[in-house]
Amino acid sequence: MKKSSMKFLFLLSLLLLPIGVFAERVSGSYHISGIVFFEFCFTLIAIFCYINPITKALSNEKNKVMVFIALFIGRIVMLVILNNIYDDFGGVLVDFILVVFGKNIANLIKCINGREKDSFNTIPTMSIIPIKPLTDADKTLKCPNCSAPVEEKYKFCQACGKEVNIETIKQAITRVPANYDSFDPMYKLSDDKMLETLINKELKKEGLDSLKGVTTKEIRTKKILTNTILSLLVFVYIVLFFFHFPKTTYVIGAVILIIVFLLSRKVSFIKSVTKEIKSRPSEKISNIIMSKKENLVKDYSKIVGIVTLSIAIILPLIMFKEPVIIYEKMDNGYGVRFYAYGLNNNKTVTIPETHKGEKVVSLRGNAFSNMPSLESVTLPDSITEIRGQSFLNDKNLKKVKLPKNLKTLGGSAFKNCTSLETIELPDTITEIGGGAFYRATSLKSIKLPKNLKKLGGESFYEAKSLESIELPDGLTEIRGSTFEGCYLLKEINIPDSVTRIGGHAFHYAGRLETVKISQNSNLREIGSSAFRNCNSLKEITLPKGINVNERAFKESPTIIRYYGQDDNSETDY
């Protein structure tokens, strides 16, 4: 195979590598072709905008390829880590920031490495020469006309006959040392500030000390472009508030807006002249300013900026005056992909039963997450699944009407819903995901569905107000940390169908007094720390043959008895 072909295949494989970052998350309507196209295009952008410039800044001709590969793989690792931490969003956002500011980062690296040399050399470097002591020859009084020596007692030069002023001659040969304040204050400034001062002086000479209302056509175009970009970002930022993303999203967004705003302020007539002078160091500053003066036009970029910014602020408020429901097409109907609350209603939600003539059958993940003002939700009976984190962090949610035909309640569905006191689960539910009511600290009692087969771990983790719960007969396992931290739980009846109680299942259930396990129970295992720190659990009776972990009742005053065992025989943990 030719060398050029191998290089092409190698580059192509590199470009396609980042697709693996997102491929594992592809589901539903997100087709793999869309992921391939998006990631292929954005990888090309990333290469040209920051990977290649930073490679040039860090490398030399010998190690350029290795540095490029290291940066490319580093980008993939960054996407994997941040997307896992911030739910597919963090890596993309950081990648976008690097694309925008990649060249600035490369220039900074060049400066740190000492490779970036200032091309501005229109101002000569000043050097201060130390003053030497006056010699006898320097002290000799000389005629200003013929340089012949003169004596103080004569008023005329003996050589040329011209009248001489002895005091004037003495002052001329006296050396006065120059100090820091002897120079123009302009020379104390940095190179850029010094150049800016010189430009302002030249502008004043040309009668352009006030540039209000005028600029060059090029600068006007740049200002309009930067103001438009800033307005678009403001529009997106405001829209994000209606889509209730995590708080970190808005913090990062605010930082981006500030950076773009500061960059937009750098577009000015002075900056443009400065850049041109640096690119043409041999040309006089006055000539460059004269050429700019001839191309001055009316500057209406500020008006355009105010108009576009006003539209960017007002338009989202009009668009989201009322709540907006975003649907996703599914095989058997539509799913609610996202809910954007409106200005007129951010406390209650009612989802319709149909959309475009088809049933609404699903509530997708994060559909109502991070809505702190949400208090009440009503869902249609056509919905059969509620996916993970649907109501995550809705701290004021108090009332939820679940569908009668619901089959699946996803993991962390009501996680951190700290105001939810009661909820009715329909008997049609067969599966409740892990952490479904994680830290639902106001939940007092709940009856689990009769047909429930699977209850995920940490389902009621630190549900501190939970006093009673009824487990269904079909349940086969109580997983790890399911009721950990349920401090007010007093009694639990373990169904005969349960074969295992996982580790930390009832850890820190401090007021748990009674655990009922029948003689006919199929229970085979009690995991580590399952009943640890259950200070009120004085005794428990188990069927024979159960594998009880030695740490199952650690730090609990529990006496274990077995059915059919002599009452005097007991195991104290």
Protein backbone atom coordinates (compact mmCIF):
# COMPACT_ATOMS: atom_id res chain seq x y z
CA MET A 1 0.00 0.00 0.00
CA LYS A 2 1.29 3.49 -0.84
CA LYS A 3 2.46 5.77 1.92
CA SER A 4 -0.10 8.46 0.99
CA SER A 5 -2.94 5.90 1.20
CA MET A 6 -1.79 4.78 4.65
CA LYS A 7 -1.70 8.38 5.83
CA PHE A 8 -5.21 8.95 4.50
CA LEU A 9 -6.59 5.85 6.27
CA PHE A 10 -4.81 6.83 9.48
CA LEU A 11 -6.31 10.34 9.37
CA LEU A 12 -9.76 8.93 8.59
CA SER A 13 -9.55 6.56 11.56
CA LEU A 14 -8.57 9.46 13.80
CA LEU A 15 -11.51 11.51 12.60
CA LEU A 16 -13.96 8.67 13.30
CA LEU A 17 -12.56 7.82 16.74
CA PRO A 18 -14.59 10.43 18.69
CA ILE A 19 -17.83 8.86 17.41
CA GLY A 20 -17.26 6.14 19.99
CA VAL A 21 -17.72 8.73 22.70
CA PHE A 22 -21.39 9.14 21.79
CA ALA A 23 -22.23 5.88 20.01
CA GLU A 24 -22.98 3.99 23.23
CA ARG A 25 -25.66 6.56 24.09
CA VAL A 26 -27.48 6.39 20.75
CA SER A 27 -31.13 5.41 21.25
CA GLY A 28 -34.62 6.18 20.07
CA SER A 29 -34.73 8.72 17.27
CA TYR A 30 -31.01 9.55 17.47
CA HIS A 31 -29.73 7.68 14.42
CA ILE A 32 -26.08 6.67 14.17
CA SER A 33 -25.73 8.48 10.81
CA GLY A 34 -26.58 11.78 12.49
CA ILE A 35 -23.98 11.16 15.18
CA VAL A 36 -21.35 10.27 12.56
CA PHE A 37 -22.06 13.38 10.50
CA PHE A 38 -22.07 15.74 13.50
CA GLU A 39 -18.94 14.36 15.10
CA PHE A 40 -17.05 14.14 11.79
CA CYS A 41 -17.77 17.83 11.05
CA PHE A 42 -17.02 19.04 14.56
CA THR A 43 -13.80 17.02 14.72
CA LEU A 44 -12.61 18.74 11.54
CA ILE A 45 -13.48 22.11 13.11
CA ALA A 46 -11.63 21.17 16.30
CA ILE A 47 -8.52 20.17 14.31
CA PHE A 48 -8.32 23.46 12.44
CA CYS A 49 -9.41 25.74 15.31
CA TYR A 50 -7.35 24.49 18.25
CA ILE A 51 -5.66 21.09 17.85
CA ASN A 52 -3.45 22.13 14.92
CA PRO A 53 -2.59 25.66 16.25
CA ILE A 54 -1.71 24.28 19.70
CA THR A 55 0.36 21.51 18.04
CA LYS A 56 2.41 24.16 16.21
CA ALA A 57 2.86 26.14 19.42
CA LEU A 58 4.05 23.12 21.43
CA SER A 59 6.08 21.14 18.89
CA ASN A 60 8.96 21.31 16.49
CA GLU A 61 9.35 19.54 13.14
CA LYS A 62 10.58 16.32 14.75
CA ASN A 63 7.77 15.70 17.23
CA LYS A 64 4.86 17.45 15.50
CA VAL A 65 3.02 14.22 14.61
CA MET A 66 3.30 12.81 18.14
CA VAL A 67 2.06 16.06 19.72
CA PHE A 68 -0.87 16.15 17.28
CA ILE A 69 -1.85 12.56 18.12
CA ALA A 70 -1.50 13.25 21.87
CA LEU A 71 -3.78 16.30 21.64
CA PHE A 72 -6.29 14.41 19.50
CA ILE A 73 -6.50 11.50 21.92
CA GLY A 74 -6.58 13.97 24.83
CA ARG A 75 -9.68 15.53 23.28
CA ILE A 76 -11.37 12.12 23.10
CA VAL A 77 -10.53 11.37 26.74
CA MET A 78 -11.87 14.81 27.75
CA LEU A 79 -15.14 14.17 25.91
CA VAL A 80 -15.57 10.76 27.55
CA ILE A 81 -14.90 12.02 31.09
CA LEU A 82 -16.90 15.27 30.94
CA ASN A 83 -19.85 13.73 29.09
CA ASN A 84 -20.15 11.05 31.78
CA ILE A 85 -19.95 13.63 34.57
CA TYR A 86 -22.29 16.21 33.01
CA ASP A 87 -24.72 13.98 31.08
CA ASP A 88 -23.50 14.38 27.47
CA PHE A 89 -23.17 18.15 27.80
CA GLY A 90 -19.94 19.05 29.57
CA GLY A 91 -17.52 17.69 26.96
CA VAL A 92 -19.36 19.32 24.07
CA LEU A 93 -19.39 22.69 25.85
CA VAL A 94 -15.66 22.60 26.67
CA ASP A 95 -14.96 21.50 23.08
CA PHE A 96 -16.92 24.50 21.83
CA ILE A 97 -14.99 26.90 24.10
CA LEU A 98 -11.69 25.48 22.83
CA VAL A 99 -12.85 25.94 19.23
CA VAL A 100 -13.70 29.60 19.89
CA PHE A 101 -10.52 30.45 21.79
CA GLY A 102 -8.10 27.88 20.34
CA LYS A 103 -5.89 30.38 18.52
CA ASN A 104 -5.69 32.62 21.58
CA ILE A 105 -4.52 29.64 23.63
CA ALA A 106 -1.92 28.81 20.97
CA ASN A 107 -0.62 32.40 20.98
CA LEU A 108 -0.39 32.33 24.78
CA ILE A 109 1.65 29.12 24.62
CA LYS A 110 3.96 30.73 22.07
CA CYS A 111 4.49 33.69 24.36
CA ILE A 112 5.25 31.41 27.31
CA ASN A 113 7.72 29.44 25.18
CA GLY A 114 9.33 32.65 23.96
CA ARG A 115 8.47 32.01 20.30
CA GLU A 116 6.20 34.96 19.74
CA LYS A 117 8.25 38.05 18.96
CA ASP A 118 6.75 41.48 18.82
CA SER A 119 6.75 42.66 15.22
CA PHE A 120 6.20 46.24 16.29
CA ASN A 121 9.47 48.08 15.73
CA THR A 122 8.38 51.54 14.60
CA ILE A 123 9.54 53.05 17.91
CA PRO A 124 13.32 52.88 18.33
CA THR A 125 14.68 51.32 21.48
CA MET A 126 16.09 53.88 23.93
CA SER A 127 19.42 53.13 25.53
CA ILE A 128 20.84 55.14 28.42
CA ILE A 129 24.63 55.59 28.38
CA PRO A 130 26.26 56.19 31.77
CA ILE A 131 27.80 59.69 32.20
CA LYS A 132 31.59 59.71 32.24
CA PRO A 133 33.53 62.13 34.43
CA LEU A 134 34.72 65.35 32.69
CA THR A 135 38.38 65.31 31.64
CA ASP A 136 40.75 68.31 31.68
CA ALA A 137 40.24 68.64 27.92
CA ASP A 138 36.45 68.73 28.44
CA LYS A 139 36.83 71.50 31.03
CA THR A 140 38.79 73.78 28.63
CA LEU A 141 36.84 76.86 27.60
CA LYS A 142 36.56 77.04 23.79
CA CYS A 143 35.35 79.71 21.38
CA PRO A 144 31.96 78.78 19.94
CA ASN A 145 33.06 80.20 16.58
CA CYS A 146 36.51 78.72 15.98
CA SER A 147 36.89 76.25 18.91
CA ALA A 148 40.13 77.90 19.94
CA PRO A 149 40.91 78.00 23.69
CA VAL A 150 39.91 81.24 25.44
CA GLU A 151 40.74 82.66 28.84
CA GLU A 152 38.23 83.98 31.34
CA LYS A 153 39.94 87.38 31.59
CA TYR A 154 39.32 88.14 27.90
CA LYS A 155 35.97 89.13 26.37
CA PHE A 156 37.18 88.40 22.83
CA CYS A 157 38.65 85.31 21.21
CA GLN A 158 42.33 85.80 20.67
CA ALA A 159 42.23 83.65 17.52
CA CYS A 160 39.24 84.99 15.58
CA GLY A 161 38.48 88.20 17.45
CA LYS A 162 34.80 87.35 18.05
CA GLU A 163 33.18 88.40 21.32
CA VAL A 164 32.62 85.49 23.70
CA ASN A 165 30.35 85.02 26.76
CA ILE A 166 32.33 83.04 29.31
CA GLU A 167 29.23 82.13 31.44
CA THR A 168 27.43 80.69 28.41
CA ILE A 169 30.48 78.62 27.50
CA LYS A 170 30.69 77.25 31.07
CA GLN A 171 27.02 76.18 31.03
CA ALA A 172 27.49 74.42 27.68
CA ILE A 173 30.24 72.16 28.99
CA THR A 174 28.38 71.24 32.20
CA ARG A 175 26.71 67.81 31.98
CA VAL A 176 23.35 67.38 33.71
CA PRO A 177 22.40 63.66 34.30
CA ALA A 178 19.04 62.60 32.85
CA ASN A 179 16.60 60.85 35.23
CA TYR A 180 13.44 58.77 34.74
CA ASP A 181 11.18 61.82 34.79
CA SER A 182 13.20 63.66 32.14
CA PHE A 183 11.46 61.68 29.36
CA ASP A 184 7.93 61.93 27.99
CA PRO A 185 5.56 59.90 30.28
CA MET A 186 4.46 58.06 27.13
CA TYR A 187 7.70 56.06 27.18
CA LYS A 188 6.83 54.61 30.59
CA LEU A 189 3.87 52.74 29.07
CA SER A 190 3.80 49.25 27.59
CA ASP A 191 4.39 48.89 23.85
CA ASP A 192 0.69 48.66 23.05
CA LYS A 193 -0.26 51.62 25.26
CA MET A 194 2.64 53.66 23.87
CA LEU A 195 1.50 52.93 20.32
CA GLU A 196 -2.08 53.82 21.21
CA THR A 197 -0.87 57.18 22.61
CA LEU A 198 1.06 57.90 19.40
CA ILE A 199 -2.00 57.02 17.31
CA ASN A 200 -4.18 59.38 19.36
CA LYS A 201 -1.64 62.18 18.87
CA GLU A 202 -1.66 61.61 15.11
CA LEU A 203 -5.46 61.49 15.05
CA LYS A 204 -5.58 64.81 16.85
CA LYS A 205 -3.25 66.32 14.26
CA GLU A 206 -5.59 65.10 11.52
CA GLY A 207 -8.64 66.50 13.31
CA LEU A 208 -9.94 63.03 14.18
CA ASP A 209 -9.66 63.24 17.96
CA SER A 210 -13.41 62.51 18.09
CA LEU A 211 -14.46 59.49 16.01
CA LYS A 212 -18.02 59.48 17.32
CA GLY A 213 -20.43 58.29 14.65
CA VAL A 214 -17.80 57.37 12.05
CA THR A 215 -15.51 54.42 11.40
CA THR A 216 -14.18 52.37 8.50
CA LYS A 217 -16.43 50.01 6.56
CA GLU A 218 -14.36 47.01 7.66
CA ILE A 219 -14.67 47.87 11.37
CA ARG A 220 -18.39 48.57 11.01
CA THR A 221 -18.90 45.13 9.46
CA LYS A 222 -16.89 43.47 12.24
CA LYS A 223 -18.87 45.30 14.94
CA ILE A 224 -22.18 44.30 13.40
CA LEU A 225 -20.98 40.69 13.14
CA THR A 226 -19.72 40.50 16.75
CA ASN A 227 -22.88 42.21 18.07
CA THR A 228 -25.02 39.73 16.13
CA ILE A 229 -23.07 36.77 17.53
CA LEU A 230 -23.40 38.18 21.06
CA SER A 231 -27.15 38.66 20.56
CA LEU A 232 -27.55 35.08 19.31
CA LEU A 233 -25.71 33.78 22.38
CA VAL A 234 -27.93 35.91 24.64
CA PHE A 235 -30.99 34.47 22.87
CA VAL A 236 -29.77 30.90 23.40
CA TYR A 237 -28.87 31.65 27.03
CA ILE A 238 -32.35 32.99 27.84
CA VAL A 239 -34.00 30.04 26.06
CA LEU A 240 -31.93 27.66 28.21
CA PHE A 241 -33.66 29.01 31.34
CA PHE A 242 -37.02 27.78 30.06
CA PHE A 243 -35.52 24.32 29.49
CA HIS A 244 -34.34 24.07 33.13
CA PHE A 245 -30.82 22.67 32.68
CA PRO A 246 -28.52 22.07 35.69
CA LYS A 247 -27.10 25.18 37.38
CA THR A 248 -23.59 24.54 36.06
CA THR A 249 -24.92 25.07 32.54
CA TYR A 250 -25.94 28.65 33.33
CA VAL A 251 -22.69 29.42 35.12
CA ILE A 252 -20.65 28.23 32.13
CA GLY A 253 -23.01 30.07 29.77
CA ALA A 254 -22.56 33.31 31.72
CA VAL A 255 -18.78 32.95 31.52
CA ILE A 256 -18.99 32.46 27.75
CA LEU A 257 -21.20 35.54 27.38
CA ILE A 258 -18.77 37.67 29.38
CA ILE A 259 -15.81 36.47 27.31
CA VAL A 260 -17.61 37.11 24.00
CA PHE A 261 -18.71 40.55 25.25
CA LEU A 262 -15.14 41.50 26.19
CA LEU A 263 -13.87 40.26 22.82
CA SER A 264 -16.51 42.29 21.00
CA ARG A 265 -15.30 45.45 22.78
CA LYS A 266 -11.88 44.96 21.21
CA VAL A 267 -13.23 45.77 17.75
CA SER A 268 -12.44 49.50 17.38
CA PHE A 269 -10.78 52.01 15.09
CA ILE A 270 -7.72 52.30 17.37
CA LYS A 271 -7.30 48.50 17.53
CA SER A 272 -7.57 48.29 13.74
CA VAL A 273 -4.91 50.97 13.21
CA THR A 274 -2.68 49.31 15.82
CA LYS A 275 -2.90 45.98 14.04
CA GLU A 276 -2.10 47.57 10.67
CA ILE A 277 0.91 49.46 12.06
CA LYS A 278 2.31 46.25 13.52
CA SER A 279 1.89 44.49 10.18
CA ARG A 280 3.58 47.38 8.31
CA PRO A 281 6.37 48.53 10.67
CA SER A 282 8.38 50.37 8.02
CA GLU A 283 5.53 52.73 7.08
CA LYS A 284 4.86 56.02 8.84
CA ILE A 285 1.99 56.08 11.30
CA SER A 286 0.68 59.30 9.77
CA ASN A 287 0.42 57.68 6.33
CA ILE A 288 -1.55 54.72 7.68
CA ILE A 289 -3.94 57.03 9.52
CA MET A 290 -4.38 59.18 6.39
CA SER A 291 -5.37 56.10 4.38
CA LYS A 292 -7.89 55.17 7.08
CA LYS A 293 -9.25 58.72 7.13
CA GLU A 294 -10.07 58.56 3.44
CA ASN A 295 -12.26 55.45 4.01
CA LEU A 296 -14.36 56.70 6.94
CA VAL A 297 -18.09 55.92 6.76
CA LYS A 298 -21.08 56.43 9.05
CA ASP A 299 -21.04 54.03 12.03
CA TYR A 300 -24.51 52.64 12.74
CA SER A 301 -23.25 49.38 14.30
CA LYS A 302 -24.30 50.52 17.79
CA ILE A 303 -27.93 50.93 16.68
CA VAL A 304 -27.83 47.50 15.01
CA GLY A 305 -26.39 46.03 18.23
CA ILE A 306 -29.15 47.54 20.38
CA VAL A 307 -31.86 46.28 17.99
CA THR A 308 -30.47 42.72 17.75
CA LEU A 309 -29.93 42.51 21.52
CA SER A 310 -33.48 43.74 22.17
CA ILE A 311 -34.85 41.09 19.80
CA ALA A 312 -32.68 38.43 21.49
CA ILE A 313 -34.22 39.32 24.87
CA ILE A 314 -37.84 39.89 23.83
CA LEU A 315 -38.24 37.00 21.36
CA PRO A 316 -37.74 34.17 23.92
CA LEU A 317 -40.22 35.86 26.26
CA ILE A 318 -42.81 35.82 23.47
CA MET A 319 -41.97 32.27 22.36
CA PHE A 320 -42.28 30.91 25.90
CA LYS A 321 -45.16 32.99 27.16
CA GLU A 322 -47.01 29.68 27.54
CA PRO A 323 -45.41 26.28 28.29
CA VAL A 324 -43.98 24.40 25.31
CA ILE A 325 -44.01 20.59 25.10
CA ILE A 326 -41.42 18.96 22.84
CA TYR A 327 -42.42 15.51 21.59
CA GLU A 328 -40.39 12.65 20.19
CA LYS A 329 -41.82 10.16 17.68
CA MET A 330 -41.88 6.57 18.91
CA ASP A 331 -43.03 3.27 17.42
CA ASN A 332 -46.39 3.25 19.18
CA GLY A 333 -47.02 6.99 19.49
CA TYR A 334 -45.22 10.00 20.92
CA GLY A 335 -43.06 10.56 23.97
CA VAL A 336 -42.64 13.81 25.89
CA ARG A 337 -38.97 14.58 25.25
CA PHE A 338 -38.84 17.88 27.09
CA TYR A 339 -41.12 20.36 28.77
CA ALA A 340 -40.31 24.08 28.69
CA TYR A 341 -42.30 26.04 31.21
CA GLY A 342 -43.81 29.42 30.31
CA LEU A 343 -43.89 32.85 31.89
CA ASN A 344 -47.58 32.48 32.70
CA ASN A 345 -47.31 29.00 34.21
CA ASN A 346 -44.32 27.38 35.88
CA LYS A 347 -46.05 25.63 38.79
CA THR A 348 -48.47 23.15 37.22
CA VAL A 349 -48.17 20.71 34.30
CA THR A 350 -50.88 18.85 32.41
CA ILE A 351 -49.82 16.59 29.56
CA PRO A 352 -52.46 15.88 26.87
CA GLU A 353 -53.36 12.31 25.95
CA THR A 354 -52.71 12.72 22.22
CA HIS A 355 -50.35 14.59 19.89
CA LYS A 356 -50.96 14.85 16.13
CA GLY A 357 -53.71 12.27 16.44
CA GLU A 358 -51.51 9.67 18.17
CA LYS A 359 -51.27 8.69 21.83
CA VAL A 360 -48.66 10.08 24.19
CA VAL A 361 -47.13 6.89 25.57
CA SER A 362 -43.88 7.87 27.28
CA LEU A 363 -42.22 10.42 29.51
CA ARG A 364 -38.57 10.61 28.50
CA GLY A 365 -35.64 11.09 30.87
CA ASN A 366 -35.16 14.56 32.44
CA ALA A 367 -38.44 15.78 30.93
CA PHE A 368 -39.30 17.77 34.09
CA SER A 369 -35.97 17.74 35.94
CA ASN A 370 -34.51 20.80 37.69
CA MET A 371 -37.82 22.69 37.91
CA PRO A 372 -37.74 24.11 41.46
CA SER A 373 -41.06 25.96 41.04
CA LEU A 374 -43.04 22.92 39.84
CA GLU A 375 -45.75 21.90 42.34
CA SER A 376 -48.28 19.70 40.54
CA VAL A 377 -48.19 17.28 37.57
CA THR A 378 -51.06 15.47 35.85
CA LEU A 379 -50.20 12.74 33.34
CA PRO A 380 -52.62 10.99 30.92
CA ASP A 381 -53.46 7.30 31.33
CA SER A 382 -52.01 6.58 27.86
CA ILE A 383 -48.45 6.87 29.25
CA THR A 384 -46.93 3.45 30.05
CA GLU A 385 -43.39 4.43 31.01
CA ILE A 386 -41.69 7.21 32.95
CA ARG A 387 -37.96 7.14 32.32
CA GLY A 388 -35.05 8.01 34.57
CA GLN A 389 -34.67 11.39 36.29
CA SER A 390 -37.98 12.64 34.93
CA PHE A 391 -38.67 14.76 38.03
CA LEU A 392 -35.11 15.04 39.34
CA ASN A 393 -34.48 17.92 41.79
CA ASP A 394 -38.07 19.23 41.69
CA LYS A 395 -37.89 20.34 45.31
CA ASN A 396 -41.40 21.87 45.50
CA LEU A 397 -43.26 19.05 43.76
CA LYS A 398 -46.13 18.01 46.04
CA LYS A 399 -48.75 16.32 43.87
CA VAL A 400 -48.34 13.84 41.00
CA LYS A 401 -51.16 12.01 39.26
CA LEU A 402 -49.56 8.96 37.68
CA PRO A 403 -51.15 7.13 34.70
CA LYS A 404 -53.36 4.12 35.47
CA ASN A 405 -51.54 2.01 32.87
CA LEU A 406 -47.99 2.85 33.93
CA LYS A 407 -45.63 -0.14 33.75
CA THR A 408 -42.15 1.28 34.35
CA LEU A 409 -40.93 3.99 36.73
CA GLY A 410 -37.34 4.87 35.83
CA GLY A 411 -34.34 5.27 38.10
CA SER A 412 -34.07 8.52 40.07
CA ALA A 413 -37.51 9.51 38.73
CA PHE A 414 -38.38 11.46 41.91
CA LYS A 415 -34.85 11.91 43.26
CA ASN A 416 -34.50 14.92 45.60
CA CYS A 417 -38.23 15.71 45.42
CA THR A 418 -38.11 16.87 49.02
CA SER A 419 -41.72 18.18 49.20
CA LEU A 420 -43.44 15.03 47.91
CA GLU A 421 -45.46 13.67 50.87
CA THR A 422 -47.60 11.02 49.21
CA ILE A 423 -47.95 9.33 45.84
CA GLU A 424 -50.24 6.59 44.54
CA LEU A 425 -48.49 3.96 42.45
CA PRO A 426 -50.78 2.01 40.09
CA ASP A 427 -50.70 -1.80 40.39
CA THR A 428 -49.71 -2.06 36.71
CA ILE A 429 -46.12 -1.07 37.52
CA THR A 430 -43.75 -4.04 37.26
CA GLU A 431 -40.42 -2.24 37.66
CA ILE A 432 -39.15 0.68 39.74
CA GLY A 433 -35.62 1.83 38.91
CA GLY A 434 -32.84 2.49 41.39
CA GLY A 435 -33.02 5.71 43.39
CA ALA A 436 -36.62 6.35 42.28
CA PHE A 437 -37.44 8.15 45.56
CA TYR A 438 -33.86 8.94 46.58
CA ARG A 439 -33.94 11.57 49.35
CA ALA A 440 -37.66 12.15 49.01
CA THR A 441 -37.42 13.41 52.58
CA SER A 442 -41.12 14.31 53.03
CA LEU A 443 -42.56 10.99 51.81
CA LYS A 444 -44.43 9.47 54.79
CA SER A 445 -46.06 6.30 53.47
CA ILE A 446 -46.31 4.39 50.22
CA LYS A 447 -47.91 1.21 48.94
CA LEU A 448 -45.89 -0.54 46.28
CA PRO A 449 -47.75 -2.03 43.26
CA LYS A 450 -49.06 -5.60 43.53
CA ASN A 451 -47.40 -6.63 40.24
CA LEU A 452 -43.99 -5.17 41.11
CA LYS A 453 -41.19 -7.61 40.29
CA LYS A 454 -38.13 -5.40 40.46
CA LEU A 455 -37.28 -2.69 42.98
CA GLY A 456 -33.96 -0.96 42.27
CA GLY A 457 -31.30 -0.24 44.85
CA GLU A 458 -31.42 3.05 46.81
CA SER A 459 -35.09 3.40 45.83
CA PHE A 460 -35.93 5.03 49.18
CA TYR A 461 -32.45 6.10 50.25
CA GLU A 462 -32.71 8.67 53.07
CA ALA A 463 -36.48 8.99 52.77
CA LYS A 464 -36.27 10.21 56.35
CA SER A 465 -40.01 10.73 56.90
CA LEU A 466 -41.07 7.30 55.63
CA GLU A 467 -42.98 5.59 58.45
CA SER A 468 -44.60 2.66 56.69
CA ILE A 469 -44.35 0.80 53.40
CA GLU A 470 -46.11 -2.29 52.04
CA LEU A 471 -44.01 -4.65 49.90
CA PRO A 472 -45.85 -6.80 47.30
CA ASP A 473 -45.76 -10.59 47.28
CA GLY A 474 -44.10 -10.89 43.86
CA LEU A 475 -40.95 -9.00 44.87
CA THR A 476 -37.85 -11.24 44.68
CA GLU A 477 -35.08 -9.01 46.03
CA ILE A 478 -34.53 -6.03 48.31
CA ARG A 479 -31.41 -4.52 46.81
CA GLY A 480 -28.54 -2.66 48.42
CA SER A 481 -29.35 0.58 50.28
CA THR A 482 -33.03 0.38 49.27
CA PHE A 483 -34.23 1.69 52.66
CA GLU A 484 -30.92 3.04 53.99
CA GLY A 485 -31.41 6.11 56.17
CA CYS A 486 -35.21 5.62 56.53
CA TYR A 487 -34.95 6.63 60.15
CA LEU A 488 -38.69 6.72 60.97
CA LEU A 489 -39.53 3.34 59.42
CA LYS A 490 -40.89 1.20 62.29
CA GLU A 491 -42.07 -2.04 60.73
CA ILE A 492 -41.40 -4.02 57.56
CA ASN A 493 -43.02 -7.23 56.35
CA ILE A 494 -40.69 -9.19 54.05
CA PRO A 495 -42.76 -11.15 51.46
CA ASP A 496 -42.09 -14.89 51.12
CA SER A 497 -41.02 -14.33 47.50
CA VAL A 498 -37.92 -12.32 48.51
CA THR A 499 -34.77 -14.43 48.18
CA ARG A 500 -32.15 -11.82 49.09
CA ILE A 501 -31.76 -8.70 51.23
CA GLY A 502 -28.81 -6.72 49.87
CA GLY A 503 -26.04 -4.89 51.70
CA HIS A 504 -27.04 -1.74 53.62
CA ALA A 505 -30.69 -2.41 52.72
CA PHE A 506 -31.93 -1.07 56.10
CA HIS A 507 -28.75 0.63 57.31
CA TYR A 508 -29.48 3.48 59.75
CA ALA A 509 -33.19 2.61 60.01
CA GLY A 510 -32.89 3.75 63.61
CA ARG A 511 -36.50 3.22 64.70
CA LEU A 512 -37.07 -0.09 62.94
CA GLU A 513 -38.56 -2.32 65.65
CA THR A 514 -40.18 -5.17 63.76
CA VAL A 515 -38.99 -7.20 60.75
CA LYS A 516 -41.49 -9.93 59.87
CA ILE A 517 -40.12 -12.91 57.95
CA SER A 518 -42.40 -15.98 57.82
CA GLN A 519 -41.30 -19.57 58.33
CA ASN A 520 -42.16 -20.31 54.67
CA SER A 521 -39.96 -17.51 53.35
CA ASN A 522 -37.65 -18.20 50.38
CA LEU A 523 -35.04 -15.84 51.80
CA ARG A 524 -31.52 -17.27 51.28
CA GLU A 525 -29.16 -14.37 51.98
CA ILE A 526 -28.82 -11.24 54.13
CA GLY A 527 -25.96 -9.01 52.93
CA SER A 528 -23.30 -7.01 54.74
CA SER A 529 -24.60 -4.16 56.96
CA ALA A 530 -28.17 -4.94 55.85
CA PHE A 531 -29.52 -4.07 59.34
CA ARG A 532 -26.55 -2.09 60.64
CA ASN A 533 -27.22 0.66 63.21
CA CYS A 534 -30.85 -0.45 63.60
CA ASN A 535 -30.85 0.59 67.25
CA SER A 536 -34.48 -0.35 67.93
CA LEU A 537 -34.34 -3.82 66.35
CA LYS A 538 -34.02 -5.99 69.46
CA GLU A 539 -34.66 -9.37 67.86
CA ILE A 540 -35.48 -11.06 64.57
CA THR A 541 -36.65 -14.58 63.72
CA LEU A 542 -35.36 -16.20 60.53
CA PRO A 543 -35.97 -19.49 58.71
CA LYS A 544 -33.15 -21.99 58.94
CA GLY A 545 -30.56 -22.21 56.19
CA ILE A 546 -30.19 -18.49 55.52
CA ASN A 547 -26.69 -17.18 54.76
CA VAL A 548 -26.34 -14.21 57.14
CA ASN A 549 -23.28 -12.04 56.57
CA GLU A 550 -21.21 -11.62 59.72
CA ARG A 551 -21.60 -7.82 59.44
CA ALA A 552 -25.32 -7.91 58.65
CA PHE A 553 -26.38 -6.71 62.14
CA LYS A 554 -23.19 -4.82 63.02
CA GLU A 555 -23.69 -2.15 65.70
CA SER A 556 -27.30 -3.25 66.23
CA PRO A 557 -28.58 -4.80 69.52
CA THR A 558 -30.30 -7.58 67.56
CA ILE A 559 -30.79 -11.15 68.80
CA ILE A 560 -31.29 -13.63 65.96
CA ARG A 561 -33.64 -16.56 66.48
CA TYR A 562 -34.51 -19.34 64.04
CA TYR A 563 -37.86 -21.06 63.50
CA GLY A 564 -37.92 -24.44 65.25
CA GLN A 565 -34.97 -23.46 67.40
CA ASP A 566 -35.00 -23.74 71.18
CA ASP A 567 -36.07 -20.44 72.73
CA ASN A 568 -32.96 -20.48 74.90
CA SER A 569 -30.73 -20.66 71.81
CA GLU A 570 -30.01 -17.29 70.24
CA THR A 571 -27.37 -15.44 68.29
CA ASP A 572 -26.44 -11.97 69.45
CA TYR A 573 -24.86 -9.65 66.91
